[in-house]
Amino acid sequence: MDDISKDPVLDRLDRLTEMVTRRLDKIEERLRCLEQDNGEIINLLIAVKAGLEECSGELLIDAEDADTDDAPSLLH
């Protein structure tokens, strides 16, 4: 019987296994980067939302102040 380590089919399978393993490692690394990027995007969106809520609250207060300034005074 021939030595198994010299079998070309097994050698090819070993090379394919190594190639697939390297590609899976790269995919895993890319997924980690995407998760990090997504986390940063989510944090930015939360900050933008908070800023918009603050601005809209200020606009409502300004609008209420403008309405009370325009209202006729009963004391005159």
Protein backbone atom coordinates (compact mmCIF):
# COMPACT_ATOMS: atom_id res chain seq x y z
CA MET A 1 0.00 0.00 0.00
CA ASP A 2 1.15 3.52 -0.76
CA ASP A 3 1.92 6.06 1.93
CA ILE A 4 -1.23 8.14 2.64
CA SER A 5 0.74 11.39 2.92
CA LYS A 6 1.73 11.09 -0.74
CA ASP A 7 -1.85 10.77 -1.94
CA PRO A 8 -2.57 13.72 -4.29
CA VAL A 9 -6.26 13.77 -3.38
CA LEU A 10 -5.46 14.14 0.31
CA ASP A 11 -2.86 16.81 -0.46
CA ARG A 12 -5.45 18.70 -2.48
CA LEU A 13 -7.99 18.37 0.34
CA ASP A 14 -5.43 19.71 2.80
CA ARG A 15 -4.75 22.73 0.59
CA LEU A 16 -8.47 23.36 0.12
CA THR A 17 -9.04 23.06 3.87
CA GLU A 18 -6.30 25.60 4.55
CA MET A 19 -7.70 27.96 1.91
CA VAL A 20 -11.22 27.71 3.30
CA THR A 21 -9.93 28.24 6.84
CA ARG A 22 -8.05 31.40 5.78
CA ARG A 23 -11.11 32.74 3.98
CA LEU A 24 -13.35 32.04 6.96
CA ASP A 25 -10.87 33.84 9.20
CA LYS A 26 -10.97 36.86 6.86
CA ILE A 27 -14.76 36.78 6.84
CA GLU A 28 -14.84 36.63 10.63
CA GLU A 29 -12.45 39.59 10.85
CA ARG A 30 -14.57 41.57 8.39
CA LEU A 31 -17.71 40.79 10.40
CA ARG A 32 -16.03 42.06 13.56
CA CYS A 33 -15.15 45.29 11.73
CA LEU A 34 -18.71 45.65 10.46
CA GLU A 35 -20.09 45.11 13.96
CA GLN A 36 -17.78 47.82 15.26
CA ASP A 37 -18.80 50.16 12.43
CA ASN A 38 -22.48 49.45 13.11
CA GLY A 39 -21.96 50.25 16.79
CA GLU A 40 -20.39 53.58 15.88
CA ILE A 41 -23.22 54.36 13.45
CA ILE A 42 -25.82 53.53 16.10
CA ASN A 43 -24.07 55.81 18.61
CA LEU A 44 -24.00 58.63 16.05
CA LEU A 45 -27.70 58.16 15.28
CA ILE A 46 -28.52 58.24 19.00
CA ALA A 47 -26.56 61.49 19.35
CA VAL A 48 -28.33 63.01 16.32
CA LYS A 49 -31.72 61.95 17.68
CA ALA A 50 -30.93 63.50 21.06
CA GLY A 51 -29.82 66.71 19.36
CA LEU A 52 -33.00 66.82 17.27
CA GLU A 53 -35.17 66.23 20.33
CA GLU A 54 -33.38 69.04 22.14
CA CYS A 55 -33.83 71.39 19.16
CA SER A 56 -37.49 70.51 18.75
CA GLY A 57 -38.05 71.14 22.46
CA GLU A 58 -36.40 74.54 22.16
CA LEU A 59 -38.50 75.35 19.09
CA LEU A 60 -41.68 74.46 20.96
CA ILE A 61 -40.67 76.68 23.87
CA ASP A 62 -39.83 79.52 21.47
CA ALA A 63 -43.18 79.05 19.71
CA GLU A 64 -45.05 79.13 23.02
CA ASP A 65 -43.17 82.27 24.05
CA ALA A 66 -44.02 83.90 20.72
CA ASP A 67 -47.70 82.99 21.18
CA THR A 68 -47.81 84.54 24.65
CA ASP A 69 -46.00 87.67 23.42
CA ASP A 70 -48.56 88.08 20.60
CA ALA A 71 -51.58 87.53 22.87
CA PRO A 72 -53.42 90.77 23.79
CA SER A 73 -53.02 91.76 27.38
CA LEU A 74 -56.18 92.20 29.44
CA LEU A 75 -54.40 94.60 31.82
CA HIS A 76 -54.13 97.50 29.33
